Amino acid sequence: MARKHDSREPRRPLLVLTSNEIETLYFQQMRRDCRFANMSVMQKDPQTTDLLQMIKEANRLRRHNGYASVWCITNPVDLQMSPVQHQEYEAFAKKRKVSIVYNNPGIELWFYLHFGVPSAGMESAEDVISGLRTFIPGFESSAAYLSGDEGKQFYLRLFPNKAQAAINTDAYRQVVGKGKWGELYHMSTNMPSFLTDITQQCGRCYVSRGQMFEQHTIS
């Protein structure tokens, strides 16, 4: 019997451009564990200091390396940015096939939302990390922690709570209300919609417990 031909088109190459090392480690782990072969992860140039510069850098990388699209992982600690700038640059980014993903004050908020909903708006990464330690004692937002055995355990805790994190994101938006980010009360994180995009572009992620502890080389 003739072998069936797989008529599915190859997945388009995509880039996740991060703002710092913690974001880089998180998305590299995602790429590895979910076997997202068409997704590359790269950290922005240290000279890129504001949102517009990052969009331009992402666009250059997209054109020079043939990426179908790029996601910029942003936060107000590593970049000069504001809600107004998000509005101004959204159309500029879209035309260049660049999507903006935001975590305010940082990706640590997204980690927190896997376990609970803050009772008040988180003003700093330190506040979020302190809160995270009530769920994950000893948690450190550092490369040493996330690259070691404790980090592997931490990723294992995150994965099954992804759906709950999306629910908690909506709840947290109501907590934040119209704080210092004005009418854009939703500017806490848009990670849930971003992960939906990843699923559409890279496929569904199936991770077993054993797979989480496999050793891979991240290219």
N, C-alpha and C. Protein backbone atom coordinates (compact mmCIF):
# COMPACT_ATOMS: atom_id res chain seq x y z
N MET A 1 0.85 -1.19 0.00
CA MET A 1 0.00 0.00 0.00
C MET A 1 0.89 1.24 0.00
N ALA A 2 0.54 2.17 -0.85
CA ALA A 2 1.34 3.39 -0.94
C ALA A 2 1.21 4.21 0.33
N ARG A 3 2.32 4.80 0.74
CA ARG A 3 2.31 5.65 1.93
C ARG A 3 1.56 6.94 1.64
N LYS A 4 0.73 7.35 2.60
CA LYS A 4 -0.04 8.58 2.44
C LYS A 4 0.89 9.79 2.44
N HIS A 5 0.60 10.70 1.57
CA HIS A 5 1.40 11.93 1.48
C HIS A 5 0.88 12.95 2.48
N ASP A 6 1.78 13.52 3.26
CA ASP A 6 1.41 14.57 4.22
C ASP A 6 1.33 15.89 3.46
N SER A 7 0.11 16.36 3.25
CA SER A 7 -0.10 17.56 2.43
C SER A 7 -0.03 18.85 3.23
N ARG A 8 0.22 18.74 4.54
CA ARG A 8 0.28 19.96 5.34
C ARG A 8 1.49 20.80 4.95
N GLU A 9 1.28 22.10 4.86
CA GLU A 9 2.38 22.99 4.53
C GLU A 9 3.34 23.11 5.72
N PRO A 10 4.63 23.25 5.46
CA PRO A 10 5.58 23.45 6.56
C PRO A 10 5.21 24.70 7.36
N ARG A 11 5.39 24.65 8.67
CA ARG A 11 5.06 25.81 9.50
C ARG A 11 6.03 26.95 9.23
N ARG A 12 5.52 28.15 9.23
CA ARG A 12 6.32 29.32 8.91
C ARG A 12 7.29 29.65 10.06
N PRO A 13 8.51 30.07 9.74
CA PRO A 13 9.47 30.42 10.80
C PRO A 13 9.06 31.71 11.50
N LEU A 14 9.10 31.68 12.84
CA LEU A 14 8.65 32.80 13.66
C LEU A 14 9.72 33.13 14.69
N LEU A 15 9.70 34.37 15.17
CA LEU A 15 10.68 34.80 16.16
C LEU A 15 9.99 35.41 17.37
N VAL A 16 10.45 35.02 18.56
CA VAL A 16 10.07 35.68 19.81
C VAL A 16 11.27 36.51 20.23
N LEU A 17 11.12 37.83 20.21
CA LEU A 17 12.19 38.75 20.58
C LEU A 17 11.92 39.24 22.00
N THR A 18 12.81 38.92 22.93
CA THR A 18 12.58 39.21 24.34
C THR A 18 13.33 40.46 24.78
N SER A 19 12.95 40.96 25.96
CA SER A 19 13.56 42.17 26.50
C SER A 19 14.64 41.88 27.55
N ASN A 20 14.63 40.67 28.12
CA ASN A 20 15.62 40.36 29.15
C ASN A 20 15.88 38.85 29.22
N GLU A 21 16.82 38.47 30.06
CA GLU A 21 17.25 37.07 30.13
C GLU A 21 16.17 36.15 30.70
N ILE A 22 15.38 36.64 31.65
CA ILE A 22 14.34 35.80 32.25
C ILE A 22 13.29 35.44 31.20
N GLU A 23 12.88 36.41 30.41
CA GLU A 23 11.94 36.13 29.32
C GLU A 23 12.55 35.14 28.33
N THR A 24 13.82 35.34 28.02
CA THR A 24 14.50 34.46 27.07
C THR A 24 14.48 33.02 27.56
N LEU A 25 14.84 32.80 28.82
CA LEU A 25 14.86 31.45 29.38
C LEU A 25 13.48 30.82 29.36
N TYR A 26 12.45 31.60 29.68
CA TYR A 26 11.08 31.07 29.71
C TYR A 26 10.66 30.60 28.32
N PHE A 27 10.89 31.43 27.30
CA PHE A 27 10.45 31.06 25.96
C PHE A 27 11.35 30.00 25.32
N GLN A 28 12.61 29.95 25.70
CA GLN A 28 13.45 28.85 25.24
C GLN A 28 12.95 27.53 25.82
N GLN A 29 12.54 27.57 27.09
CA GLN A 29 12.00 26.36 27.71
C GLN A 29 10.71 25.94 27.01
N MET A 30 9.87 26.91 26.69
CA MET A 30 8.62 26.61 25.97
C MET A 30 8.92 25.99 24.61
N ARG A 31 9.85 26.60 23.89
CA ARG A 31 10.22 26.09 22.57
C ARG A 31 10.70 24.65 22.66
N ARG A 32 11.53 24.38 23.66
CA ARG A 32 12.11 23.05 23.84
C ARG A 32 11.06 22.02 24.23
N ASP A 33 10.29 22.34 25.27
CA ASP A 33 9.35 21.35 25.80
C ASP A 33 8.17 21.10 24.87
N CYS A 34 7.75 22.14 24.15
CA CYS A 34 6.62 21.99 23.24
C CYS A 34 7.04 21.56 21.84
N ARG A 35 8.35 21.44 21.60
CA ARG A 35 8.87 21.03 20.30
C ARG A 35 8.41 21.98 19.19
N PHE A 36 8.47 23.29 19.50
CA PHE A 36 8.08 24.30 18.51
C PHE A 36 9.27 24.56 17.59
N ALA A 37 9.47 23.68 16.61
CA ALA A 37 10.65 23.75 15.77
C ALA A 37 10.71 25.00 14.91
N ASN A 38 9.56 25.59 14.61
CA ASN A 38 9.55 26.77 13.74
C ASN A 38 9.65 28.08 14.52
N MET A 39 9.79 28.00 15.85
CA MET A 39 9.88 29.21 16.67
C MET A 39 11.31 29.41 17.16
N SER A 40 11.87 30.58 16.88
CA SER A 40 13.19 30.95 17.40
C SER A 40 13.00 31.96 18.51
N VAL A 41 13.97 32.00 19.44
CA VAL A 41 13.93 32.93 20.57
C VAL A 41 15.24 33.71 20.57
N MET A 42 15.14 35.02 20.66
CA MET A 42 16.32 35.89 20.64
C MET A 42 16.09 37.07 21.58
N GLN A 43 17.14 37.52 22.23
CA GLN A 43 17.03 38.68 23.12
C GLN A 43 17.40 39.95 22.35
N LYS A 44 16.69 41.03 22.62
CA LYS A 44 16.91 42.29 21.90
C LYS A 44 18.33 42.81 22.11
N ASP A 45 18.74 43.68 21.22
CA ASP A 45 20.04 44.35 21.33
C ASP A 45 20.04 45.23 22.59
N PRO A 46 21.12 45.20 23.38
CA PRO A 46 21.19 46.03 24.58
C PRO A 46 21.00 47.53 24.29
N GLN A 47 21.31 47.95 23.07
CA GLN A 47 21.17 49.36 22.71
C GLN A 47 19.72 49.74 22.44
N THR A 48 18.85 48.75 22.34
CA THR A 48 17.42 49.02 22.12
C THR A 48 16.78 49.35 23.46
N THR A 49 16.36 50.60 23.62
CA THR A 49 15.90 51.04 24.94
C THR A 49 14.44 51.49 24.98
N ASP A 50 13.79 51.62 23.82
CA ASP A 50 12.39 52.01 23.86
C ASP A 50 11.57 51.15 22.90
N LEU A 51 10.25 51.27 22.99
CA LEU A 51 9.36 50.39 22.25
C LEU A 51 9.51 50.56 20.75
N LEU A 52 9.62 51.80 20.27
CA LEU A 52 9.74 52.02 18.84
C LEU A 52 11.02 51.38 18.30
N GLN A 53 12.12 51.52 19.03
CA GLN A 53 13.38 50.90 18.61
C GLN A 53 13.24 49.38 18.54
N MET A 54 12.53 48.81 19.49
CA MET A 54 12.38 47.36 19.51
C MET A 54 11.56 46.88 18.31
N ILE A 55 10.50 47.62 17.97
CA ILE A 55 9.70 47.26 16.80
C ILE A 55 10.56 47.32 15.55
N LYS A 56 11.39 48.35 15.43
CA LYS A 56 12.26 48.49 14.26
C LYS A 56 13.29 47.36 14.22
N GLU A 57 13.85 47.01 15.38
CA GLU A 57 14.80 45.89 15.43
C GLU A 57 14.11 44.59 15.00
N ALA A 58 12.90 44.38 15.51
CA ALA A 58 12.15 43.17 15.15
C ALA A 58 11.89 43.10 13.66
N ASN A 59 11.57 44.24 13.08
CA ASN A 59 11.29 44.28 11.64
C ASN A 59 12.54 43.97 10.83
N ARG A 60 13.69 44.49 11.27
CA ARG A 60 14.95 44.19 10.58
C ARG A 60 15.25 42.69 10.64
N LEU A 61 15.08 42.10 11.81
CA LEU A 61 15.34 40.67 11.96
C LEU A 61 14.37 39.85 11.11
N ARG A 62 13.13 40.29 11.05
CA ARG A 62 12.13 39.57 10.24
C ARG A 62 12.54 39.56 8.78
N ARG A 63 12.93 40.73 8.27
CA ARG A 63 13.28 40.84 6.85
C ARG A 63 14.60 40.13 6.52
N HIS A 64 15.59 40.28 7.38
CA HIS A 64 16.92 39.73 7.09
C HIS A 64 16.98 38.21 7.27
N ASN A 65 16.13 37.68 8.15
CA ASN A 65 16.19 36.25 8.44
C ASN A 65 15.00 35.45 7.91
N GLY A 66 14.09 36.14 7.23
CA GLY A 66 12.98 35.44 6.60
C GLY A 66 11.89 34.96 7.55
N TYR A 67 11.76 35.59 8.73
CA TYR A 67 10.68 35.21 9.64
C TYR A 67 9.34 35.69 9.08
N ALA A 68 8.32 34.87 9.23
CA ALA A 68 7.00 35.28 8.77
C ALA A 68 6.44 36.39 9.65
N SER A 69 6.75 36.35 10.93
CA SER A 69 6.32 37.39 11.86
C SER A 69 7.18 37.32 13.11
N VAL A 70 7.10 38.37 13.91
CA VAL A 70 7.89 38.46 15.13
C VAL A 70 7.00 38.94 16.27
N TRP A 71 7.18 38.36 17.44
CA TRP A 71 6.51 38.84 18.65
C TRP A 71 7.55 39.53 19.53
N CYS A 72 7.29 40.77 19.93
CA CYS A 72 8.15 41.51 20.85
C CYS A 72 7.60 41.36 22.27
N ILE A 73 8.38 40.77 23.16
CA ILE A 73 7.97 40.62 24.56
C ILE A 73 8.46 41.86 25.30
N THR A 74 7.54 42.68 25.78
CA THR A 74 7.92 43.98 26.33
C THR A 74 7.48 44.13 27.78
N ASN A 75 8.14 45.07 28.47
CA ASN A 75 7.76 45.44 29.83
C ASN A 75 8.31 46.83 30.09
N PRO A 76 7.71 47.56 31.04
CA PRO A 76 8.13 48.95 31.29
C PRO A 76 9.40 49.09 32.11
N VAL A 77 10.00 47.97 32.52
CA VAL A 77 11.27 48.02 33.26
C VAL A 77 12.44 48.07 32.29
N ASP A 78 12.40 47.25 31.26
CA ASP A 78 13.50 47.15 30.32
C ASP A 78 13.37 48.10 29.13
N LEU A 79 12.18 48.67 28.96
CA LEU A 79 11.94 49.57 27.83
C LEU A 79 11.26 50.84 28.30
N GLN A 80 11.57 51.94 27.63
CA GLN A 80 10.81 53.17 27.85
C GLN A 80 9.51 53.03 27.05
N MET A 81 8.40 52.98 27.77
CA MET A 81 7.12 52.75 27.10
C MET A 81 5.99 53.25 27.98
N SER A 82 4.84 53.45 27.37
CA SER A 82 3.66 53.94 28.07
C SER A 82 2.43 53.46 27.33
N PRO A 83 1.25 53.52 27.95
CA PRO A 83 0.02 53.16 27.23
C PRO A 83 -0.18 53.97 25.96
N VAL A 84 0.17 55.25 26.02
CA VAL A 84 0.00 56.11 24.85
C VAL A 84 0.88 55.60 23.71
N GLN A 85 2.12 55.23 24.02
CA GLN A 85 3.01 54.72 22.99
C GLN A 85 2.49 53.43 22.39
N HIS A 86 1.89 52.58 23.21
CA HIS A 86 1.30 51.36 22.67
C HIS A 86 0.27 51.70 21.61
N GLN A 87 -0.56 52.65 21.89
CA GLN A 87 -1.59 53.04 20.92
C GLN A 87 -0.96 53.61 19.66
N GLU A 88 0.06 54.45 19.83
CA GLU A 88 0.69 55.10 18.69
C GLU A 88 1.41 54.10 17.79
N TYR A 89 2.05 53.10 18.39
CA TYR A 89 2.92 52.21 17.64
C TYR A 89 2.24 50.92 17.18
N GLU A 90 1.02 50.68 17.63
CA GLU A 90 0.33 49.43 17.29
C GLU A 90 0.18 49.27 15.77
N ALA A 91 -0.30 50.31 15.09
CA ALA A 91 -0.48 50.23 13.64
C ALA A 91 0.87 50.12 12.93
N PHE A 92 1.87 50.87 13.44
CA PHE A 92 3.22 50.81 12.87
C PHE A 92 3.76 49.38 12.94
N ALA A 93 3.57 48.72 14.07
CA ALA A 93 4.07 47.36 14.25
C ALA A 93 3.30 46.37 13.38
N LYS A 94 2.00 46.53 13.32
CA LYS A 94 1.17 45.59 12.57
C LYS A 94 1.55 45.55 11.10
N LYS A 95 1.83 46.71 10.51
CA LYS A 95 2.21 46.78 9.10
C LYS A 95 3.52 46.05 8.84
N ARG A 96 4.33 45.91 9.87
CA ARG A 96 5.63 45.25 9.73
C ARG A 96 5.61 43.82 10.25
N LYS A 97 4.42 43.29 10.45
CA LYS A 97 4.23 41.91 10.91
C LYS A 97 4.93 41.67 12.24
N VAL A 98 4.83 42.68 13.11
CA VAL A 98 5.39 42.61 14.45
C VAL A 98 4.24 42.74 15.44
N SER A 99 4.18 41.82 16.39
CA SER A 99 3.14 41.86 17.43
C SER A 99 3.78 42.22 18.76
N ILE A 100 3.05 43.02 19.56
CA ILE A 100 3.56 43.47 20.85
C ILE A 100 2.90 42.66 21.96
N VAL A 101 3.73 42.02 22.76
CA VAL A 101 3.26 41.28 23.94
C VAL A 101 3.76 42.03 25.16
N TYR A 102 2.87 42.33 26.10
CA TYR A 102 3.28 43.14 27.24
C TYR A 102 3.00 42.43 28.56
N ASN A 103 3.90 42.66 29.50
CA ASN A 103 3.75 42.21 30.88
C ASN A 103 4.14 43.37 31.78
N ASN A 104 3.25 43.82 32.60
CA ASN A 104 3.48 44.98 33.45
C ASN A 104 3.28 44.59 34.92
N PRO A 105 4.34 44.59 35.75
CA PRO A 105 5.65 45.21 35.50
C PRO A 105 6.66 44.29 34.80
N GLY A 106 6.40 43.00 34.70
CA GLY A 106 7.33 42.10 34.03
C GLY A 106 6.71 40.72 33.87
N ILE A 107 7.43 39.80 33.26
CA ILE A 107 6.88 38.48 33.00
C ILE A 107 6.62 37.71 34.29
N GLU A 108 7.23 38.16 35.40
CA GLU A 108 6.95 37.53 36.68
C GLU A 108 5.47 37.60 37.03
N LEU A 109 4.77 38.65 36.55
CA LEU A 109 3.32 38.74 36.76
C LEU A 109 2.61 37.56 36.11
N TRP A 110 3.03 37.22 34.89
CA TRP A 110 2.43 36.07 34.20
C TRP A 110 2.67 34.79 34.98
N PHE A 111 3.86 34.64 35.56
CA PHE A 111 4.12 33.48 36.41
C PHE A 111 3.15 33.45 37.58
N TYR A 112 2.99 34.59 38.24
CA TYR A 112 2.11 34.68 39.42
C TYR A 112 0.69 34.26 39.08
N LEU A 113 0.21 34.68 37.92
CA LEU A 113 -1.19 34.42 37.55
C LEU A 113 -1.48 32.94 37.31
N HIS A 114 -0.47 32.12 37.26
CA HIS A 114 -0.70 30.68 37.18
C HIS A 114 -1.20 30.12 38.51
N PHE A 115 -0.99 30.88 39.58
CA PHE A 115 -1.29 30.37 40.92
C PHE A 115 -2.36 31.16 41.67
N GLY A 116 -2.58 32.41 41.29
CA GLY A 116 -3.55 33.21 42.00
C GLY A 116 -3.75 34.57 41.36
N VAL A 117 -4.60 35.39 42.00
CA VAL A 117 -4.90 36.74 41.52
C VAL A 117 -4.48 37.74 42.60
N PRO A 118 -3.56 38.64 42.31
CA PRO A 118 -3.18 39.65 43.31
C PRO A 118 -4.40 40.45 43.77
N SER A 119 -4.41 40.81 45.02
CA SER A 119 -5.55 41.56 45.56
C SER A 119 -5.48 43.04 45.22
N ALA A 120 -4.31 43.48 44.73
CA ALA A 120 -4.12 44.87 44.31
C ALA A 120 -3.14 44.89 43.16
N GLY A 121 -3.08 46.04 42.46
CA GLY A 121 -2.15 46.15 41.34
C GLY A 121 -0.71 46.01 41.80
N MET A 122 0.06 45.25 41.04
CA MET A 122 1.47 45.04 41.36
C MET A 122 2.29 46.16 40.74
N GLU A 123 2.99 46.94 41.57
CA GLU A 123 3.72 48.10 41.09
C GLU A 123 5.14 47.79 40.63
N SER A 124 5.72 46.68 41.11
CA SER A 124 7.10 46.39 40.78
C SER A 124 7.30 44.89 40.68
N ALA A 125 8.39 44.51 39.99
CA ALA A 125 8.72 43.09 39.89
C ALA A 125 9.01 42.51 41.26
N GLU A 126 9.57 43.31 42.15
CA GLU A 126 9.86 42.84 43.51
C GLU A 126 8.58 42.45 44.23
N ASP A 127 7.51 43.24 44.04
CA ASP A 127 6.22 42.91 44.65
C ASP A 127 5.71 41.57 44.13
N VAL A 128 5.85 41.36 42.82
CA VAL A 128 5.36 40.12 42.22
C VAL A 128 6.16 38.94 42.72
N ILE A 129 7.48 39.08 42.77
CA ILE A 129 8.33 37.98 43.21
C ILE A 129 8.04 37.62 44.66
N SER A 130 7.83 38.63 45.50
CA SER A 130 7.48 38.38 46.90
C SER A 130 6.17 37.60 46.98
N GLY A 131 5.19 37.98 46.15
CA GLY A 131 3.93 37.26 46.14
C GLY A 131 4.07 35.84 45.63
N LEU A 132 4.92 35.65 44.63
CA LEU A 132 5.14 34.32 44.07
C LEU A 132 5.69 33.35 45.11
N ARG A 133 6.47 33.88 46.03
CA ARG A 133 7.09 33.01 47.03
C ARG A 133 6.08 32.41 48.00
N THR A 134 4.86 32.97 48.03
CA THR A 134 3.83 32.33 48.86
C THR A 134 3.36 31.03 48.21
N PHE A 135 3.53 30.91 46.90
CA PHE A 135 3.18 29.69 46.17
C PHE A 135 4.40 28.80 45.90
N ILE A 136 5.52 29.44 45.60
CA ILE A 136 6.76 28.73 45.27
C ILE A 136 7.86 29.24 46.22
N PRO A 137 7.96 28.67 47.42
CA PRO A 137 8.98 29.14 48.36
C PRO A 137 10.38 29.08 47.73
N GLY A 138 11.12 30.15 47.94
CA GLY A 138 12.48 30.19 47.42
C GLY A 138 12.60 30.63 45.99
N PHE A 139 11.49 31.00 45.36
CA PHE A 139 11.55 31.42 43.96
C PHE A 139 12.48 32.61 43.79
N GLU A 140 13.30 32.57 42.75
CA GLU A 140 14.16 33.69 42.39
C GLU A 140 14.01 33.97 40.90
N SER A 141 13.85 35.23 40.55
CA SER A 141 13.80 35.60 39.14
C SER A 141 15.22 35.85 38.67
N SER A 142 15.95 34.74 38.47
CA SER A 142 17.36 34.83 38.08
C SER A 142 17.68 33.70 37.12
N ALA A 143 18.72 33.92 36.32
CA ALA A 143 19.13 32.89 35.37
C ALA A 143 19.60 31.64 36.11
N ALA A 144 20.31 31.83 37.23
CA ALA A 144 20.81 30.68 37.97
C ALA A 144 19.66 29.79 38.47
N TYR A 145 18.61 30.43 38.97
CA TYR A 145 17.46 29.67 39.47
C TYR A 145 16.72 28.97 38.34
N LEU A 146 16.39 29.70 37.29
CA LEU A 146 15.56 29.14 36.22
C LEU A 146 16.31 28.15 35.35
N SER A 147 17.63 28.17 35.37
CA SER A 147 18.42 27.23 34.57
C SER A 147 18.75 25.95 35.32
N GLY A 148 18.49 25.93 36.62
CA GLY A 148 18.84 24.77 37.43
C GLY A 148 17.68 23.83 37.67
N ASP A 149 17.87 22.89 38.58
CA ASP A 149 16.84 21.90 38.90
C ASP A 149 15.59 22.55 39.46
N GLU A 150 15.76 23.61 40.28
CA GLU A 150 14.59 24.30 40.82
C GLU A 150 13.76 24.92 39.71
N GLY A 151 14.45 25.45 38.70
CA GLY A 151 13.74 26.04 37.57
C GLY A 151 12.94 25.00 36.81
N LYS A 152 13.50 23.81 36.63
CA LYS A 152 12.78 22.74 35.94
C LYS A 152 11.52 22.36 36.70
N GLN A 153 11.61 22.31 38.01
CA GLN A 153 10.43 22.05 38.82
C GLN A 153 9.41 23.19 38.67
N PHE A 154 9.92 24.41 38.61
CA PHE A 154 9.03 25.57 38.46
C PHE A 154 8.28 25.51 37.14
N TYR A 155 8.97 25.22 36.03
CA TYR A 155 8.29 25.10 34.74
C TYR A 155 7.24 24.00 34.77
N LEU A 156 7.56 22.92 35.47
CA LEU A 156 6.62 21.81 35.59
C LEU A 156 5.35 22.24 36.32
N ARG A 157 5.50 23.16 37.28
CA ARG A 157 4.35 23.69 38.00
C ARG A 157 3.53 24.63 37.12
N LEU A 158 4.19 25.37 36.24
CA LEU A 158 3.48 26.33 35.41
C LEU A 158 2.59 25.65 34.38
N PHE A 159 3.11 24.64 33.70
CA PHE A 159 2.45 24.14 32.50
C PHE A 159 0.98 23.74 32.71
N PRO A 160 0.64 22.92 33.71
CA PRO A 160 -0.77 22.50 33.84
C PRO A 160 -1.70 23.62 34.27
N ASN A 161 -1.15 24.77 34.69
CA ASN A 161 -1.98 25.87 35.17
C ASN A 161 -2.19 26.95 34.11
N LYS A 162 -1.82 26.67 32.86
CA LYS A 162 -1.89 27.70 31.83
C LYS A 162 -3.32 28.21 31.62
N ALA A 163 -4.30 27.31 31.60
CA ALA A 163 -5.69 27.72 31.41
C ALA A 163 -6.16 28.58 32.58
N GLN A 164 -5.76 28.21 33.79
CA GLN A 164 -6.14 28.99 34.97
C GLN A 164 -5.49 30.37 34.93
N ALA A 165 -4.27 30.46 34.40
CA ALA A 165 -3.59 31.74 34.29
C ALA A 165 -4.37 32.70 33.39
N ALA A 166 -4.98 32.17 32.33
CA ALA A 166 -5.78 33.00 31.43
C ALA A 166 -7.01 33.54 32.16
N ILE A 167 -7.65 32.68 32.95
CA ILE A 167 -8.81 33.11 33.74
C ILE A 167 -8.40 34.17 34.77
N ASN A 168 -7.27 33.92 35.43
CA ASN A 168 -6.78 34.86 36.44
C ASN A 168 -6.38 36.20 35.83
N THR A 169 -5.94 36.18 34.57
CA THR A 169 -5.60 37.43 33.90
C THR A 169 -6.82 38.33 33.78
N ASP A 170 -7.95 37.76 33.40
CA ASP A 170 -9.18 38.55 33.30
C ASP A 170 -9.58 39.11 34.66
N ALA A 171 -9.44 38.29 35.70
CA ALA A 171 -9.79 38.74 37.04
C ALA A 171 -8.85 39.87 37.49
N TYR A 172 -7.58 39.74 37.17
CA TYR A 172 -6.62 40.76 37.57
C TYR A 172 -6.87 42.09 36.87
N ARG A 173 -7.33 42.04 35.64
CA ARG A 173 -7.65 43.28 34.93
C ARG A 173 -8.72 44.07 35.66
N GLN A 174 -9.65 43.38 36.27
CA GLN A 174 -10.69 44.06 37.04
C GLN A 174 -10.10 44.65 38.32
N VAL A 175 -9.13 43.98 38.90
CA VAL A 175 -8.47 44.49 40.10
C VAL A 175 -7.70 45.77 39.78
N VAL A 176 -6.97 45.74 38.65
CA VAL A 176 -6.15 46.89 38.27
C VAL A 176 -7.02 48.10 37.97
N GLY A 177 -8.17 47.86 37.32
CA GLY A 177 -9.07 48.96 37.00
C GLY A 177 -8.39 49.99 36.12
N LYS A 178 -8.49 51.23 36.50
CA LYS A 178 -7.95 52.31 35.68
C LYS A 178 -6.74 52.95 36.33
N GLY A 179 -5.98 52.23 37.11
CA GLY A 179 -4.81 52.75 37.80
C GLY A 179 -3.93 53.70 37.00
N LYS A 180 -2.67 53.63 37.16
CA LYS A 180 -1.77 54.59 36.52
C LYS A 180 -1.70 54.39 35.01
N TRP A 181 -2.25 53.27 34.52
CA TRP A 181 -2.26 53.06 33.07
C TRP A 181 -3.54 53.59 32.44
N GLY A 182 -4.26 54.43 33.17
CA GLY A 182 -5.39 55.16 32.61
C GLY A 182 -6.48 54.26 32.06
N GLU A 183 -7.05 54.65 30.94
CA GLU A 183 -8.16 53.92 30.36
C GLU A 183 -7.76 52.53 29.87
N LEU A 184 -6.48 52.33 29.61
CA LEU A 184 -6.04 51.02 29.13
C LEU A 184 -5.85 50.08 30.32
N TYR A 185 -6.95 49.78 31.00
CA TYR A 185 -6.87 48.95 32.20
C TYR A 185 -6.35 47.55 31.88
N HIS A 186 -6.46 47.14 30.62
CA HIS A 186 -6.03 45.80 30.24
C HIS A 186 -4.52 45.69 30.11
N MET A 187 -3.79 46.78 30.28
CA MET A 187 -2.35 46.75 30.07
C MET A 187 -1.62 46.13 31.27
N SER A 188 -2.03 44.95 31.65
CA SER A 188 -1.30 44.19 32.66
C SER A 188 -0.50 43.10 31.94
N THR A 189 -1.18 42.26 31.20
CA THR A 189 -0.52 41.28 30.34
C THR A 189 -1.50 40.82 29.27
N ASN A 190 -0.99 40.56 28.09
CA ASN A 190 -1.82 39.96 27.05
C ASN A 190 -1.27 38.59 26.65
N MET A 191 -0.60 37.95 27.59
CA MET A 191 -0.02 36.64 27.33
C MET A 191 -1.05 35.60 26.88
N PRO A 192 -2.28 35.57 27.42
CA PRO A 192 -3.23 34.56 26.95
C PRO A 192 -3.51 34.63 25.45
N SER A 193 -3.71 35.84 24.92
CA SER A 193 -3.96 35.95 23.49
C SER A 193 -2.70 35.62 22.69
N PHE A 194 -1.55 35.96 23.24
CA PHE A 194 -0.28 35.61 22.59
C PHE A 194 -0.10 34.10 22.49
N LEU A 195 -0.41 33.38 23.57
CA LEU A 195 -0.26 31.93 23.56
C LEU A 195 -1.26 31.28 22.60
N THR A 196 -2.41 31.91 22.42
CA THR A 196 -3.36 31.43 21.40
C THR A 196 -2.74 31.58 20.01
N ASP A 197 -2.07 32.71 19.78
CA ASP A 197 -1.37 32.92 18.51
C ASP A 197 -0.30 31.85 18.29
N ILE A 198 0.46 31.55 19.35
CA ILE A 198 1.50 30.53 19.25
C ILE A 198 0.91 29.19 18.85
N THR A 199 -0.22 28.83 19.48
CA THR A 199 -0.87 27.55 19.16
C THR A 199 -1.28 27.51 17.69
N GLN A 200 -1.79 28.62 17.19
CA GLN A 200 -2.21 28.66 15.79
C GLN A 200 -1.02 28.58 14.84
N GLN A 201 0.11 29.17 15.23
CA GLN A 201 1.26 29.22 14.34
C GLN A 201 2.22 28.04 14.51
N CYS A 202 2.29 27.50 15.72
CA CYS A 202 3.27 26.45 16.01
C CYS A 202 2.65 25.09 16.29
N GLY A 203 1.35 25.06 16.54
CA GLY A 203 0.70 23.80 16.89
C GLY A 203 0.46 23.70 18.38
N ARG A 204 -0.35 22.72 18.75
CA ARG A 204 -0.68 22.52 20.16
C ARG A 204 0.50 21.90 20.90
N CYS A 205 0.65 22.30 22.15
CA CYS A 205 1.76 21.81 22.97
C CYS A 205 1.29 20.67 23.87
N TYR A 206 1.93 19.53 23.75
CA TYR A 206 1.66 18.40 24.63
C TYR A 206 2.95 18.06 25.37
N VAL A 207 2.92 18.22 26.67
CA VAL A 207 4.11 18.01 27.47
C VAL A 207 3.84 16.94 28.52
N SER A 208 4.67 15.90 28.54
CA SER A 208 4.56 14.87 29.57
C SER A 208 5.49 15.23 30.71
N ARG A 209 5.28 14.62 31.86
CA ARG A 209 6.15 14.89 33.00
C ARG A 209 7.59 14.48 32.69
N GLY A 210 7.73 13.33 32.04
CA GLY A 210 9.07 12.88 31.71
C GLY A 210 9.76 13.81 30.74
N GLN A 211 9.02 14.34 29.80
CA GLN A 211 9.60 15.22 28.78
C GLN A 211 10.18 16.48 29.41
N MET A 212 9.54 16.96 30.50
CA MET A 212 9.99 18.19 31.12
C MET A 212 11.42 18.08 31.63
N PHE A 213 11.87 16.84 31.90
CA PHE A 213 13.21 16.65 32.48
C PHE A 213 14.21 16.13 31.47
N GLU A 214 13.80 16.04 30.19
CA GLU A 214 14.76 15.64 29.17
C GLU A 214 15.80 16.74 28.98
N GLN A 215 16.98 16.34 28.61
CA GLN A 215 18.04 17.31 28.35
C GLN A 215 18.08 17.60 26.85
N HIS A 216 17.97 18.87 26.50
CA HIS A 216 18.03 19.27 25.10
C HIS A 216 19.07 20.36 24.95
N THR A 217 19.57 20.52 23.77
CA THR A 217 20.42 21.65 23.45
C THR A 217 19.57 22.68 22.74
N ILE A 218 19.50 23.89 23.29
CA ILE A 218 18.70 24.96 22.71
C ILE A 218 19.55 25.69 21.70
N SER A 219 19.12 25.66 20.45
CA SER A 219 19.87 26.34 19.41
C SER A 219 19.43 27.78 19.29
